[in-house]
Protein backbone atom coordinates (compact mmCIF):
# COMPACT_ATOMS: atom_id res chain seq x y z
CA MET A 1 137.77 95.92 98.55
CA ASN A 2 141.49 96.44 99.27
CA ILE A 3 140.98 94.67 102.62
CA ILE A 4 139.27 91.73 100.87
CA ASP A 5 142.03 91.54 98.22
CA GLY A 6 144.62 91.42 101.01
CA ILE A 7 142.78 88.63 102.78
CA VAL A 8 142.54 86.60 99.57
CA ASN A 9 146.27 87.08 98.84
CA ASP A 10 147.08 85.98 102.41
CA LEU A 11 144.80 82.99 101.89
CA ALA A 12 146.75 81.94 98.79
CA THR A 13 150.03 82.25 100.74
CA GLN A 14 148.66 80.11 103.56
CA THR A 15 147.55 77.49 101.05
CA LYS A 16 151.06 77.32 99.59
CA ASP A 17 152.41 76.87 103.14
CA VAL A 18 150.07 73.92 103.56
CA GLY A 19 151.52 72.34 100.41
CA ARG A 20 155.10 72.89 101.54
CA LYS A 21 154.44 71.38 104.96
CA LEU A 22 152.87 68.31 103.36
CA GLU A 23 155.92 67.94 101.08
CA GLN A 24 158.18 67.90 104.15
CA ILE A 25 156.80 64.49 105.10
CA ASP A 26 159.44 62.01 103.87
CA LEU A 27 157.52 58.87 102.96
CA SER A 28 160.77 56.89 102.81
CA LYS A 29 161.00 57.26 106.56
CA LEU A 30 157.60 55.72 107.08
CA GLU A 31 159.12 52.20 107.01
CA GLN A 32 160.43 52.52 110.54
CA ILE A 33 157.32 53.80 112.32
CA ASP A 34 156.57 52.19 115.69
CA LEU A 35 153.08 50.81 116.15
CA SER A 36 152.90 52.39 119.60
CA GLU A 37 153.06 55.83 117.98
CA ILE A 38 150.40 55.19 115.34
CA ASP A 39 147.46 56.15 117.62
CA VAL A 40 148.86 59.62 118.27
CA LEU A 41 149.66 60.21 114.60
CA THR A 42 146.29 58.86 113.44
CA GLN A 43 144.48 61.14 115.91
CA LYS A 44 146.38 64.16 114.60
CA MET A 45 145.65 63.20 111.01
CA ASN A 46 141.93 62.86 111.80
CA ILE A 47 141.97 66.36 113.27
CA ILE A 48 143.69 67.71 110.16
CA ASP A 49 141.34 65.76 107.93
CA GLY A 50 138.27 67.29 109.65
CA ILE A 51 139.64 70.83 109.56
CA VAL A 52 140.56 70.66 105.88
CA ASN A 53 137.19 69.14 104.95
CA ASP A 54 135.45 71.95 106.85
CA LEU A 55 137.69 74.48 105.10
CA ALA A 56 136.70 73.08 101.71
CA THR A 57 133.01 73.30 102.64
CA GLN A 58 133.45 76.92 103.70
CA THR A 59 135.15 77.70 100.38
CA LYS A 60 132.32 76.15 98.36
CA ASP A 61 129.82 78.21 100.39
CA VAL A 62 131.76 81.33 99.42
CA GLY A 63 131.51 80.38 95.75
CA ARG A 64 127.77 79.74 95.96
CA LYS A 65 127.09 83.02 97.78
CA LEU A 66 129.10 84.96 95.22
CA GLU A 67 127.24 83.31 92.34
CA GLN A 68 123.96 84.56 93.85
CA ILE A 69 125.05 88.15 93.22
CA ASP A 70 123.66 89.25 89.86
CA LEU A 71 126.48 91.37 88.45
CA SER A 72 124.35 92.60 85.55
CA LYS A 73 122.19 94.51 88.02
CA LEU A 74 125.12 96.51 89.28
CA GLU A 75 124.99 98.66 86.16
CA GLN A 76 121.64 100.08 87.30
CA ILE A 77 122.42 100.69 90.94
CA ASP A 78 120.15 103.20 92.63
CA LEU A 79 119.89 104.22 96.26
CA SER A 80 117.29 101.57 97.10
CA GLU A 81 119.67 98.77 96.04
CA MET A 82 122.76 100.11 97.80
CA ALA A 83 121.70 98.59 101.13
CA VAL A 84 121.26 95.12 99.55
CA LEU A 85 124.66 95.29 97.82
CA THR A 86 126.34 96.44 101.02
CA GLN A 87 124.77 93.56 102.93
CA LYS A 88 126.01 91.02 100.36
CA MET A 89 129.53 92.49 100.43
CA ASN A 90 129.56 92.23 104.23
CA ILE A 91 128.59 88.55 103.94
CA VAL A 92 131.41 87.91 101.45
CA ASP A 93 133.87 89.85 103.61
CA GLY A 94 132.95 87.79 106.68
CA ILE A 95 133.22 84.47 104.84
CA VAL A 96 136.62 85.29 103.35
CA ASN A 97 137.89 86.41 106.75
CA ASP A 98 136.69 83.13 108.24
CA LEU A 99 138.34 81.23 105.36
CA ALA A 100 141.68 82.88 106.09
CA THR A 101 141.33 82.03 109.78
CA GLN A 102 140.59 78.39 108.96
CA THR A 103 143.67 78.21 106.72
CA GLU A 104 145.89 79.56 109.50
CA VAL A 105 144.48 76.88 111.81
CA VAL A 106 145.46 74.21 109.25
CA GLY A 107 148.99 75.60 109.18
CA ARG A 108 149.27 75.54 112.98
CA LYS A 109 147.93 71.96 113.17
CA LEU A 110 150.49 70.78 110.58
CA GLU A 111 153.30 72.42 112.56
CA GLN A 112 152.29 70.31 115.58
CA ILE A 113 153.28 67.10 113.73
CA ASP A 114 156.63 65.97 115.08
CA LEU A 115 158.52 64.86 111.94
CA SER A 116 161.16 63.11 114.04
CA LYS A 117 158.57 60.53 115.07
CA LEU A 118 157.97 59.53 111.47
CA GLU A 119 161.19 57.47 111.54
CA GLN A 120 159.41 54.93 113.77
CA ILE A 121 156.37 54.38 111.52
CA ASP A 122 155.50 50.70 111.04
CA LEU A 123 155.38 49.63 107.38
CA SER A 124 152.12 47.72 108.02
CA GLU A 125 150.26 51.02 108.53
CA ILE A 126 151.67 52.78 105.45
CA ALA A 127 148.65 52.00 103.22
CA VAL A 128 146.18 53.78 105.49
CA LEU A 129 148.50 56.73 105.99
CA THR A 130 149.21 57.07 102.27
CA GLN A 131 145.49 57.02 101.48
CA LYS A 132 144.79 59.82 103.96
CA MET A 133 147.69 61.89 102.60
CA ASN A 134 146.38 61.50 99.04
CA ILE A 135 142.91 62.65 100.13
CA ILE A 136 144.37 65.67 101.92
CA ASP A 137 146.57 66.48 98.93
CA GLY A 138 143.52 66.46 96.63
CA ILE A 139 141.47 68.63 98.95
CA VAL A 140 144.28 71.18 99.28
CA ASN A 141 144.67 71.34 95.50
CA ASN A 142 140.93 71.88 95.18
CA LEU A 143 141.18 74.57 97.86
CA ALA A 144 143.74 76.46 95.80
CA THR A 145 141.44 76.31 92.76
CA GLN A 146 138.44 77.52 94.77
CA THR A 147 140.53 80.37 96.20
CA GLU A 148 141.37 81.58 92.70
CA VAL A 149 137.64 81.52 91.82
CA VAL A 150 136.88 83.59 94.92
CA GLY A 151 139.50 86.14 93.93
CA ARG A 152 138.14 86.44 90.37
CA LYS A 153 134.57 86.96 91.58
CA LEU A 154 135.65 89.59 94.09
CA GLU A 155 137.57 91.43 91.37
CA GLN A 156 134.45 91.38 89.17
CA ILE A 157 132.37 92.89 91.94
CA ALA A 158 134.93 95.61 92.62
CA SER A 159 135.09 96.66 88.97
CA SER A 160 131.33 96.43 88.43
CA LYS A 161 130.60 98.66 91.40
CA VAL A 162 132.66 101.43 89.88
CA GLU A 163 131.99 100.98 86.18
CA GLY A 164 128.26 100.24 86.54
CA LEU A 165 127.28 103.57 88.15
CA ASP A 166 125.77 105.99 85.68
CA PRO A 167 126.69 109.70 85.94
CA GLN A 168 123.35 110.61 87.57
CA THR A 169 123.81 108.03 90.33
CA ARG A 170 127.40 109.14 90.92
CA LYS A 171 126.28 112.75 91.28
CA TYR A 172 123.47 111.69 93.60
CA LEU A 173 125.89 109.86 95.90
CA GLN A 174 128.28 112.81 95.85
CA ASP A 175 125.43 115.17 96.84
CA ILE A 176 124.51 112.91 99.76
CA GLN A 177 128.13 112.78 100.90
CA THR A 178 128.33 116.58 100.74
CA GLN A 179 125.15 116.97 102.81
CA LEU A 180 126.30 114.53 105.46
CA THR A 181 129.50 116.52 106.00
CA SER A 182 127.73 119.91 106.19
CA ASP A 183 125.58 121.56 108.86
CA THR A 184 122.45 121.71 106.69
CA LEU A 185 120.56 118.66 105.39
CA THR A 186 118.45 119.26 102.26
CA LEU A 187 115.88 116.72 101.03
CA GLN A 188 114.55 117.41 97.52
CA LEU A 189 111.50 115.90 95.85
CA ASP A 190 113.74 114.15 93.32
CA ASP A 191 115.56 112.41 96.17
CA THR A 192 112.43 110.39 96.96
CA ARG A 193 111.37 109.79 93.33
CA GLY A 194 108.39 112.13 93.72
CA TYR A 195 106.84 110.39 96.73
CA ASP A 196 105.99 112.13 100.00
CA SER A 197 109.35 112.61 101.70
CA SER A 198 109.90 112.33 105.43
CA ILE A 199 112.59 112.67 108.07
CA ARG A 200 112.34 110.21 110.95
CA PHE A 201 113.86 110.52 114.39
CA LYS A 202 114.86 107.57 116.56
CA ASP A 203 115.14 107.40 120.34
CA LYS A 204 118.22 106.17 122.19
CA ASP A 205 116.83 102.63 122.14
CA GLY A 206 116.52 102.77 118.34
CA ALA A 207 112.70 103.00 118.34
CA LEU A 208 110.96 105.55 116.14
CA GLY A 209 110.21 108.64 118.25
CA GLY A 210 108.95 111.23 115.77
CA SER A 211 108.86 112.37 112.16
CA ILE A 212 108.49 115.36 109.85
CA THR A 213 106.57 114.42 106.71
CA ARG A 214 105.59 116.25 103.53
CA VAL A 215 101.77 115.96 103.32
CA VAL A 216 99.11 116.87 100.76
CA LYS A 217 95.65 118.44 101.30
CA GLY A 218 93.96 118.43 97.91
CA ASP A 219 96.20 120.55 95.69
CA ILE A 220 97.96 122.06 98.69
CA THR A 221 101.12 120.65 100.27
CA GLY A 222 102.44 121.10 103.77
CA LEU A 223 104.49 119.66 106.62
CA SER A 224 103.27 117.37 109.39
CA ILE A 225 105.05 116.90 112.72
CA ALA A 226 104.25 113.62 114.46
CA THR A 227 105.22 112.32 117.91
CA LYS A 228 104.47 109.16 119.86
CA ASP A 229 101.32 108.77 121.94
CA LYS A 230 101.01 106.68 125.12
CA SER A 231 100.68 103.48 123.10
CA GLY A 232 103.90 104.21 121.20
CA SER A 233 102.21 104.95 117.86
CA LEU A 234 103.08 108.03 115.78
CA VAL A 235 100.29 110.64 115.80
CA ASP A 236 100.14 113.85 113.75
CA ARG A 237 100.32 116.74 116.21
CA VAL A 238 100.82 119.86 114.09
CA LYS A 239 100.31 120.43 110.36
CA PHE A 240 101.46 123.51 108.44
CA TYR A 241 100.01 123.97 104.96
CA ASP A 242 101.23 126.22 102.16
CA ASP A 243 97.95 128.19 102.30
CA LYS A 244 98.98 129.14 105.87
CA ASP A 245 96.37 126.93 107.56
CA VAL A 246 97.63 125.46 110.83
CA TYR A 247 96.08 122.32 112.32
CA ILE A 248 96.72 121.17 115.88
CA ASN A 249 95.59 117.67 116.89
CA GLY A 250 93.38 117.47 113.81
CA GLN A 251 91.56 120.79 114.34
CA CYS A 252 92.15 123.98 112.38
CA PHE A 253 93.84 126.44 114.73
CA VAL A 254 94.76 129.22 112.30
CA LYS A 255 93.07 129.97 108.97
CA GLY A 256 95.32 131.14 106.18
CA THR A 257 92.99 134.09 105.54
CA ASP A 258 93.50 135.48 109.05
CA THR A 259 95.73 138.52 109.30
CA SER A 260 97.30 137.15 112.48
CA ILE A 261 97.08 134.24 114.85
CA PHE A 262 95.18 136.42 117.31
CA ASP A 263 92.31 136.83 114.83
CA GLU A 264 91.75 133.08 114.93
CA ILE A 265 92.08 132.98 118.70
CA LYS A 266 89.43 135.69 119.06
CA ARG A 267 87.18 133.97 116.52
CA GLN A 268 87.25 130.69 118.40
CA LEU A 269 87.20 132.07 121.95
CA LYS A 270 84.48 134.69 121.47
CA PRO A 271 81.46 132.32 121.63
CA TYR A 272 83.05 130.46 124.51
CA ILE A 273 83.66 133.61 126.54
CA LEU A 274 80.21 135.00 125.83
CA GLY A 275 78.73 131.69 126.91
CA LEU A 276 80.53 131.96 130.23
CA LEU A 277 79.24 135.52 130.78
CA LEU A 278 75.70 134.97 129.58
CA GLY A 279 73.27 135.90 132.37
CA ARG A 280 76.04 136.57 134.87
CA THR A 281 76.65 140.30 134.39
CA MET A 282 73.08 141.51 134.98
CA VAL A 283 72.08 143.32 138.18
CA ARG A 284 69.31 141.62 140.15
CA SER A 285 67.18 142.84 143.06
CA ALA A 286 66.97 140.73 146.20
CA ASN A 287 65.80 140.78 149.78
CA LEU A 288 68.67 139.94 152.15
CA ARG A 289 68.58 138.18 155.46
CA GLU A 290 70.81 140.89 156.98
CA LYS A 291 71.74 144.50 156.37
CA ALA A 292 74.65 145.33 154.02
CA SER A 293 76.29 148.35 152.40
CA ILE A 294 76.94 149.24 148.77
CA GLY A 295 80.23 147.68 147.63
CA ASP A 296 80.05 144.76 150.06
CA ILE A 297 80.56 141.23 148.74
CA ILE A 298 78.28 138.60 150.25
CA THR A 299 77.69 134.89 149.70
CA GLY A 300 74.48 133.67 148.11
CA ASP A 301 73.22 132.06 151.30
CA LYS A 302 72.59 135.59 152.65
CA ILE A 303 69.90 136.12 149.99
CA ALA A 304 66.34 135.45 151.26
CA TYR A 305 64.73 135.64 147.80
CA TRP A 306 64.86 137.54 144.54
CA ALA A 307 62.35 140.38 144.61
CA TYR A 308 61.57 143.43 142.49
CA PRO A 309 60.13 146.60 144.04
CA SER A 310 56.37 147.04 143.61
CA GLU A 311 53.94 149.68 144.92
CA ASN A 312 50.78 148.99 146.83
CA GLY A 313 47.47 150.75 146.25
CA SER A 314 48.61 153.76 148.23
CA GLY A 315 51.70 154.31 146.10
CA TYR A 316 54.18 152.91 148.60
CA ILE A 317 56.75 150.19 147.91
CA SER A 318 55.69 147.48 150.27
CA ALA A 319 56.68 143.94 151.16
CA SER A 320 53.23 142.58 150.37
CA ALA A 321 53.20 144.11 146.90
CA THR A 322 56.78 143.02 146.25
CA GLN A 323 56.16 139.42 147.27
CA GLU A 324 53.88 139.02 144.27
CA HIS A 325 57.06 139.33 142.10
CA THR A 326 59.56 137.10 143.94
CA MET A 327 61.63 134.07 142.99
CA ALA A 328 63.49 131.53 145.14
CA VAL A 329 67.30 131.36 145.19
CA SER A 330 68.75 128.25 143.49
CA ALA A 331 71.42 126.13 145.13
CA GLU A 332 73.87 127.22 142.42
CA ASN A 333 73.30 130.93 143.10
CA ALA A 334 73.51 130.28 146.84
CA ARG A 335 77.10 129.04 146.35
CA LYS A 336 78.18 132.13 144.38
CA ARG A 337 79.47 135.47 145.62
CA TRP A 338 77.65 138.71 144.97
CA ARG A 339 78.62 142.36 145.03
CA ILE A 340 76.09 144.95 146.25
CA MET A 341 75.81 147.54 143.47
CA GLY A 342 72.94 149.58 144.98
CA LYS A 343 69.78 149.44 147.10
CA THR A 344 66.20 150.66 147.21
CA ASP A 345 64.96 151.93 150.58
CA SER A 346 61.26 152.16 151.38
CA TYR A 347 59.29 152.78 154.53
CA TYR A 348 58.21 149.15 154.52
CA ILE A 349 61.14 147.27 152.85
CA THR A 350 64.79 147.58 151.73
CA LEU A 351 65.90 145.77 148.54
CA TYR A 352 69.52 145.33 147.37
CA TRP A 353 70.76 145.27 143.77
CA LEU A 354 73.34 142.46 143.30
CA GLN A 355 75.82 141.48 140.56
CA GLU A 356 77.65 138.14 140.45
CA VAL A 357 81.36 138.18 141.21
CA ILE A 358 82.95 136.15 138.38
CA ASN A 359 86.16 134.28 139.15
CA PHE A 360 88.53 133.24 136.36
CA ASP A 361 88.81 129.83 138.02
CA ASP A 362 85.06 129.18 137.70
C-alpha cells in the first residue's frame, strides 16, 4: 500500500506540472503566429489531445474497478477470500502504475512544444487553438478530481484490510506465516473447516504430480498417497488407516490385526505356494530309455513311460505284469527335469523312482 500511495502522490505532482506547463502558454503572443507553422502545432496538439483523453479514460476505469470492491466484505475476510482480494489489489496497482506512466508521457509531450514559435501564430487560427486549450484544461481539471477519488478509495482499502480482520483470522494468518518460515508444516483439521485435508505436489511444469490426502473408511480415518498414472490422472497407490490396515493399489496388504507384516505375507502367499507345489513333490516310478544312477538329473524325454512294479503269477516283478499299470508321459512332463531318488531292480525289469526338480523361475 505504501508503494501505491507513493504512485498516487507522484501522479498528483505530475498533474500539477501539466497545469503549470499549460499556464506557460502566453495567449497574447498568439497574434503573431505564422500560418506555415500551424500544421506542426496542430499536429502536436492532436497528439496531446489524444493522450490526455486516453489518460482520462484510464482514470475512469480505475474508479469503476475500485467501486466493484465491496469494502463491507473486508470485515469478514477468511483464507478463501484472500486470493480474490489480492487479485483485485494487483489490478488496482497495475492501473495506477499505468496512470502514472501516462501522466509522465503527457509532461514529456508538453515539453516538446517550442514556446518560441508561438510568437508567429496567425490570429485567424486563434479560435480553434483556444477551443482545444479549453478542452484540455477541462480534462486536466477532471483528471485531478479523479486522482483524488482514486487516492481516497485506496486509503479506504488499506484501512479496511487492517481493521476488518477479526482476532481469529489474524491469529490464523500469523500461524501460517510461522509455519512457512519453519522446517515443519502442520495442517490441522480446523485449517480446512473440517473437510478432508490434502497436500498436493506439483511437477516442474506446474502440473499436479501427487498428493497426500486425509481419507475416511466408515468411522476410521487414514492417509492416502496418490501418484500419476500413464494417462496423467491421480490414482491412489497406498492407503494407511488408523486401524493399521494397509491397502496397496486397492487391495488389503496388511490387516490391522496381524502381529507383523510377515503374518499377512504368509497368509496371502501360502495358498499360492502350495498351489505351485501341488503334485510336484511326489516320487513316481518310471521305466527309462537308458540306464541311470541314483542322484542323476535327467530330462523328461528320457522317460519311456510311468510304471509301477507288479508281480507275475510266479512272484517275480516282470515287464508284462508291470505294463498293466503304466501311463504315458505328457508333453509337459517331458519338458521338465527329474532327479533319480531310487530304483527297483528285478530279474526282468529295472524301474526308477523320480522326483521333479522345481526351479524358482518356473
